[in-house]
C-alpha cells in the first residue's frame, strides 16, 4: 500500500516538508510544492506498480532458500532436479501478468 508520504518522496526527493495527518506543511524553499492532483496521481501510479509486482512477492515467499539452492548445487543429481521442479512449480503458480 502506498500513501501520501511515498508520493511526496517520489515527486520531490530531498524536499523539506511536514505531514500532520492529512495536512501538508511545505518547508522547502528550493522545490515547489506539488499540487494535490499531482500527489493523487502519483499515489495511483505507485499503487499500480505495487500491484503489478504482486506475483514477484508471491514467488519470493515460495522459492527455496539460498541454503536449499547451495545444497542442491553441491549435491547435484536428484536434489538439483527436485529444486528445479520446485522453481518451475512456483513460477507456474505465480505467473507474470
N, C-alpha and C. Protein backbone atom coordinates (compact mmCIF):
# COMPACT_ATOMS: atom_id res chain seq x y z
N UNK A 1 0.86 -1.18 0.00
CA UNK A 1 0.00 0.00 0.00
C UNK A 1 0.90 1.23 0.00
N UNK A 2 0.63 2.15 -0.87
CA UNK A 2 1.39 3.40 -0.91
C UNK A 2 0.53 4.51 -0.33
N UNK A 3 1.16 5.59 0.01
CA UNK A 3 0.44 6.68 0.63
C UNK A 3 1.01 8.03 0.22
N UNK A 4 0.56 9.04 0.87
CA UNK A 4 0.95 10.41 0.53
C UNK A 4 2.44 10.64 0.76
N UNK A 5 2.99 10.04 1.80
CA UNK A 5 4.42 10.20 2.09
C UNK A 5 5.25 9.64 0.94
N UNK A 6 4.93 8.45 0.50
CA UNK A 6 5.67 7.84 -0.61
C UNK A 6 5.53 8.67 -1.88
N UNK A 7 4.35 9.20 -2.11
CA UNK A 7 4.13 10.04 -3.30
C UNK A 7 4.97 11.31 -3.22
N UNK A 8 4.99 11.94 -2.06
CA UNK A 8 5.79 13.17 -1.90
C UNK A 8 7.27 12.88 -2.06
N UNK A 9 7.73 11.76 -1.51
CA UNK A 9 9.14 11.40 -1.65
C UNK A 9 9.50 11.10 -3.10
N UNK A 10 8.58 10.52 -3.85
CA UNK A 10 8.83 10.22 -5.26
C UNK A 10 8.79 11.48 -6.12
N UNK A 11 7.87 12.38 -5.81
CA UNK A 11 7.72 13.60 -6.60
C UNK A 11 8.81 14.63 -6.31
N UNK A 12 9.18 14.75 -5.04
CA UNK A 12 10.13 15.80 -4.64
C UNK A 12 11.18 15.21 -3.70
N UNK A 13 12.12 14.45 -4.26
CA UNK A 13 13.13 13.84 -3.41
C UNK A 13 13.94 14.93 -2.68
N UNK A 14 14.23 14.67 -1.45
CA UNK A 14 15.05 15.55 -0.60
C UNK A 14 14.36 16.87 -0.24
N UNK A 15 13.09 17.00 -0.55
CA UNK A 15 12.36 18.22 -0.18
C UNK A 15 12.09 18.21 1.32
N UNK A 16 11.90 19.38 1.87
CA UNK A 16 11.61 19.50 3.29
C UNK A 16 10.13 19.84 3.46
N UNK A 17 9.44 18.99 4.20
CA UNK A 17 8.01 19.17 4.44
C UNK A 17 7.63 18.40 5.69
N UNK A 18 6.47 18.74 6.23
CA UNK A 18 5.93 18.04 7.38
C UNK A 18 4.49 17.68 7.06
N UNK A 19 4.13 16.42 7.36
CA UNK A 19 2.77 15.95 7.13
C UNK A 19 2.17 15.60 8.48
N UNK A 20 1.14 16.33 8.85
CA UNK A 20 0.43 16.09 10.11
C UNK A 20 -0.97 15.61 9.75
N UNK A 21 -1.16 14.30 9.91
CA UNK A 21 -2.43 13.74 9.46
C UNK A 21 -2.48 13.84 7.95
N UNK A 22 -3.41 14.64 7.45
CA UNK A 22 -3.50 14.87 6.01
C UNK A 22 -3.08 16.30 5.64
N UNK A 23 -2.65 17.08 6.64
CA UNK A 23 -2.23 18.46 6.40
C UNK A 23 -0.75 18.53 6.07
N UNK A 24 -0.43 19.06 4.91
CA UNK A 24 0.95 19.18 4.45
C UNK A 24 1.45 20.59 4.69
N UNK A 25 2.56 20.70 5.39
CA UNK A 25 3.23 21.99 5.59
C UNK A 25 4.52 21.94 4.78
N UNK A 26 4.60 22.79 3.77
CA UNK A 26 5.74 22.79 2.86
C UNK A 26 6.82 23.71 3.42
N UNK A 27 8.00 23.18 3.67
CA UNK A 27 9.09 23.93 4.26
C UNK A 27 10.22 24.21 3.27
N UNK A 28 10.22 23.53 2.15
CA UNK A 28 11.32 23.63 1.19
C UNK A 28 11.24 24.94 0.42
N UNK A 29 12.36 25.61 0.31
CA UNK A 29 12.41 26.88 -0.43
C UNK A 29 12.96 26.69 -1.84
N UNK A 30 13.46 25.50 -2.15
CA UNK A 30 14.04 25.24 -3.46
C UNK A 30 13.03 24.55 -4.39
N UNK A 31 12.42 23.50 -3.89
CA UNK A 31 11.47 22.74 -4.70
C UNK A 31 10.05 23.27 -4.48
N UNK A 32 9.28 23.26 -5.54
CA UNK A 32 7.89 23.71 -5.49
C UNK A 32 7.00 22.60 -4.95
N UNK A 33 6.05 22.99 -4.14
CA UNK A 33 5.11 22.02 -3.58
C UNK A 33 4.25 21.44 -4.69
N UNK A 34 4.16 20.11 -4.78
CA UNK A 34 3.29 19.50 -5.79
C UNK A 34 1.82 19.76 -5.48
N UNK A 35 1.03 19.81 -6.51
CA UNK A 35 -0.41 20.03 -6.33
C UNK A 35 -1.05 18.77 -5.76
N UNK A 36 -2.24 18.95 -5.20
CA UNK A 36 -2.99 17.80 -4.68
C UNK A 36 -3.27 16.80 -5.79
N UNK A 37 -3.54 17.29 -6.99
CA UNK A 37 -3.81 16.40 -8.13
C UNK A 37 -2.56 15.60 -8.49
N UNK A 38 -1.40 16.24 -8.46
CA UNK A 38 -0.15 15.54 -8.77
C UNK A 38 0.15 14.47 -7.73
N UNK A 39 -0.12 14.80 -6.47
CA UNK A 39 0.10 13.83 -5.39
C UNK A 39 -0.85 12.64 -5.55
N UNK A 40 -2.11 12.92 -5.82
CA UNK A 40 -3.10 11.85 -6.01
C UNK A 40 -2.73 10.97 -7.20
N UNK A 41 -2.27 11.58 -8.29
CA UNK A 41 -1.88 10.81 -9.47
C UNK A 41 -0.67 9.93 -9.17
N UNK A 42 0.27 10.44 -8.39
CA UNK A 42 1.46 9.67 -8.04
C UNK A 42 1.09 8.51 -7.13
N UNK A 43 0.14 8.71 -6.21
CA UNK A 43 -0.33 7.63 -5.35
C UNK A 43 -0.92 6.51 -6.19
N UNK A 44 -1.73 6.86 -7.17
CA UNK A 44 -2.33 5.86 -8.07
C UNK A 44 -1.24 5.13 -8.85
N UNK A 45 -0.26 5.87 -9.35
CA UNK A 45 0.85 5.28 -10.12
C UNK A 45 1.66 4.31 -9.25
N UNK A 46 2.00 4.73 -8.03
CA UNK A 46 2.77 3.86 -7.14
C UNK A 46 1.98 2.62 -6.74
N UNK A 47 0.68 2.78 -6.52
CA UNK A 47 -0.15 1.64 -6.16
C UNK A 47 -0.23 0.64 -7.31
N UNK A 48 -0.34 1.15 -8.54
CA UNK A 48 -0.38 0.28 -9.72
C UNK A 48 0.92 -0.50 -9.86
N UNK A 49 2.05 0.16 -9.62
CA UNK A 49 3.35 -0.52 -9.70
C UNK A 49 3.46 -1.59 -8.61
N UNK A 50 2.98 -1.28 -7.42
CA UNK A 50 3.00 -2.24 -6.31
C UNK A 50 2.12 -3.45 -6.65
N UNK A 51 0.93 -3.19 -7.16
CA UNK A 51 0.01 -4.28 -7.51
C UNK A 51 0.57 -5.14 -8.63
N UNK A 52 1.25 -4.51 -9.60
CA UNK A 52 1.80 -5.26 -10.73
C UNK A 52 2.92 -6.21 -10.29
N UNK A 53 3.55 -5.93 -9.18
CA UNK A 53 4.65 -6.77 -8.70
C UNK A 53 4.18 -7.81 -7.67
N UNK A 54 2.89 -8.01 -7.54
CA UNK A 54 2.36 -8.98 -6.57
C UNK A 54 2.88 -10.38 -6.86
N UNK A 55 2.98 -10.74 -8.13
CA UNK A 55 3.46 -12.07 -8.49
C UNK A 55 4.88 -12.28 -7.98
N UNK A 56 5.71 -11.24 -8.03
CA UNK A 56 7.10 -11.35 -7.59
C UNK A 56 7.18 -11.57 -6.08
N UNK A 57 6.34 -10.87 -5.33
CA UNK A 57 6.32 -11.07 -3.88
C UNK A 57 5.84 -12.48 -3.53
N UNK A 58 4.86 -12.99 -4.26
CA UNK A 58 4.37 -14.35 -4.02
C UNK A 58 5.44 -15.38 -4.35
N UNK A 59 6.13 -15.16 -5.46
CA UNK A 59 7.20 -16.08 -5.84
C UNK A 59 8.32 -16.09 -4.79
N UNK A 60 8.70 -14.91 -4.35
CA UNK A 60 9.81 -14.81 -3.41
C UNK A 60 9.51 -15.60 -2.13
N UNK A 61 8.28 -15.53 -1.67
CA UNK A 61 7.90 -16.24 -0.45
C UNK A 61 7.91 -17.76 -0.66
N UNK A 62 7.64 -18.22 -1.87
CA UNK A 62 7.52 -19.65 -2.13
C UNK A 62 8.81 -20.30 -2.63
N UNK A 63 9.76 -19.49 -3.14
CA UNK A 63 11.00 -20.06 -3.66
C UNK A 63 11.81 -20.72 -2.55
N UNK A 64 12.64 -21.69 -2.91
CA UNK A 64 13.52 -22.30 -1.92
C UNK A 64 14.54 -21.28 -1.40
N UNK A 65 15.06 -21.54 -0.22
CA UNK A 65 16.02 -20.63 0.38
C UNK A 65 17.38 -20.74 -0.33
N UNK A 66 18.24 -19.80 -0.05
CA UNK A 66 19.60 -19.83 -0.61
C UNK A 66 20.32 -21.10 -0.14
N UNK A 67 20.10 -21.45 1.13
CA UNK A 67 20.72 -22.68 1.65
C UNK A 67 20.27 -23.90 0.87
N UNK A 68 18.98 -23.96 0.53
CA UNK A 68 18.46 -25.08 -0.27
C UNK A 68 19.12 -25.11 -1.64
N UNK A 69 19.30 -23.95 -2.24
CA UNK A 69 19.94 -23.88 -3.56
C UNK A 69 21.39 -24.32 -3.50
N UNK A 70 22.10 -23.86 -2.47
CA UNK A 70 23.51 -24.26 -2.32
C UNK A 70 23.61 -25.77 -2.11
N UNK A 71 22.75 -26.29 -1.27
CA UNK A 71 22.74 -27.74 -1.01
C UNK A 71 22.48 -28.52 -2.31
N UNK A 72 21.51 -28.06 -3.08
CA UNK A 72 21.18 -28.76 -4.33
C UNK A 72 22.33 -28.69 -5.32
N UNK A 73 23.00 -27.55 -5.39
CA UNK A 73 24.13 -27.42 -6.32
C UNK A 73 25.29 -28.30 -5.88
N UNK A 74 25.53 -28.38 -4.59
CA UNK A 74 26.63 -29.20 -4.08
C UNK A 74 26.31 -30.69 -4.22
N UNK A 75 25.07 -31.04 -3.98
CA UNK A 75 24.65 -32.45 -4.00
C UNK A 75 24.45 -32.94 -5.44
N UNK A 76 23.86 -32.06 -6.27
CA UNK A 76 23.61 -32.43 -7.66
C UNK A 76 22.54 -33.51 -7.78
N UNK A 77 22.51 -34.19 -8.89
CA UNK A 77 21.60 -35.31 -9.10
C UNK A 77 20.14 -34.97 -8.88
N UNK A 78 19.47 -35.87 -8.14
CA UNK A 78 18.03 -35.72 -7.91
C UNK A 78 17.70 -34.46 -7.11
N UNK A 79 18.58 -34.07 -6.20
CA UNK A 79 18.33 -32.87 -5.40
C UNK A 79 18.22 -31.65 -6.29
N UNK A 80 19.12 -31.55 -7.26
CA UNK A 80 19.09 -30.42 -8.19
C UNK A 80 17.86 -30.49 -9.08
N UNK A 81 17.49 -31.68 -9.52
CA UNK A 81 16.30 -31.86 -10.34
C UNK A 81 15.05 -31.47 -9.56
N UNK A 82 14.98 -31.88 -8.29
CA UNK A 82 13.84 -31.53 -7.44
C UNK A 82 13.75 -30.02 -7.23
N UNK A 83 14.91 -29.39 -7.03
CA UNK A 83 14.94 -27.93 -6.85
C UNK A 83 14.40 -27.22 -8.09
N UNK A 84 14.84 -27.66 -9.26
CA UNK A 84 14.38 -27.04 -10.50
C UNK A 84 12.88 -27.27 -10.69
N UNK A 85 12.39 -28.44 -10.31
CA UNK A 85 10.95 -28.72 -10.41
C UNK A 85 10.16 -27.80 -9.47
N UNK A 86 10.69 -27.57 -8.28
CA UNK A 86 10.03 -26.67 -7.33
C UNK A 86 10.00 -25.24 -7.88
N UNK A 87 11.10 -24.79 -8.44
CA UNK A 87 11.15 -23.44 -9.01
C UNK A 87 10.15 -23.31 -10.17
N UNK A 88 10.06 -24.32 -11.00
CA UNK A 88 9.12 -24.30 -12.12
C UNK A 88 7.68 -24.28 -11.61
N UNK A 89 7.40 -25.05 -10.56
CA UNK A 89 6.04 -25.07 -9.99
C UNK A 89 5.68 -23.70 -9.38
N UNK A 90 6.63 -23.06 -8.73
CA UNK A 90 6.39 -21.74 -8.15
C UNK A 90 6.07 -20.73 -9.26
N UNK A 91 6.86 -20.78 -10.34
CA UNK A 91 6.61 -19.87 -11.46
C UNK A 91 5.24 -20.12 -12.10
N UNK A 92 4.85 -21.39 -12.21
CA UNK A 92 3.55 -21.72 -12.80
C UNK A 92 2.40 -21.26 -11.90
N UNK A 93 2.61 -21.37 -10.58
CA UNK A 93 1.55 -20.96 -9.64
C UNK A 93 1.43 -19.44 -9.51
N UNK A 94 2.51 -18.73 -9.83
CA UNK A 94 2.54 -17.26 -9.73
C UNK A 94 3.05 -16.65 -11.04
N UNK A 95 2.25 -16.72 -12.12
CA UNK A 95 2.73 -16.24 -13.42
C UNK A 95 2.83 -14.72 -13.46
N UNK A 96 3.71 -14.27 -14.35
CA UNK A 96 3.81 -12.83 -14.60
C UNK A 96 2.53 -12.38 -15.28
N UNK A 97 2.08 -11.16 -14.98
CA UNK A 97 0.84 -10.68 -15.63
C UNK A 97 1.05 -10.42 -17.11
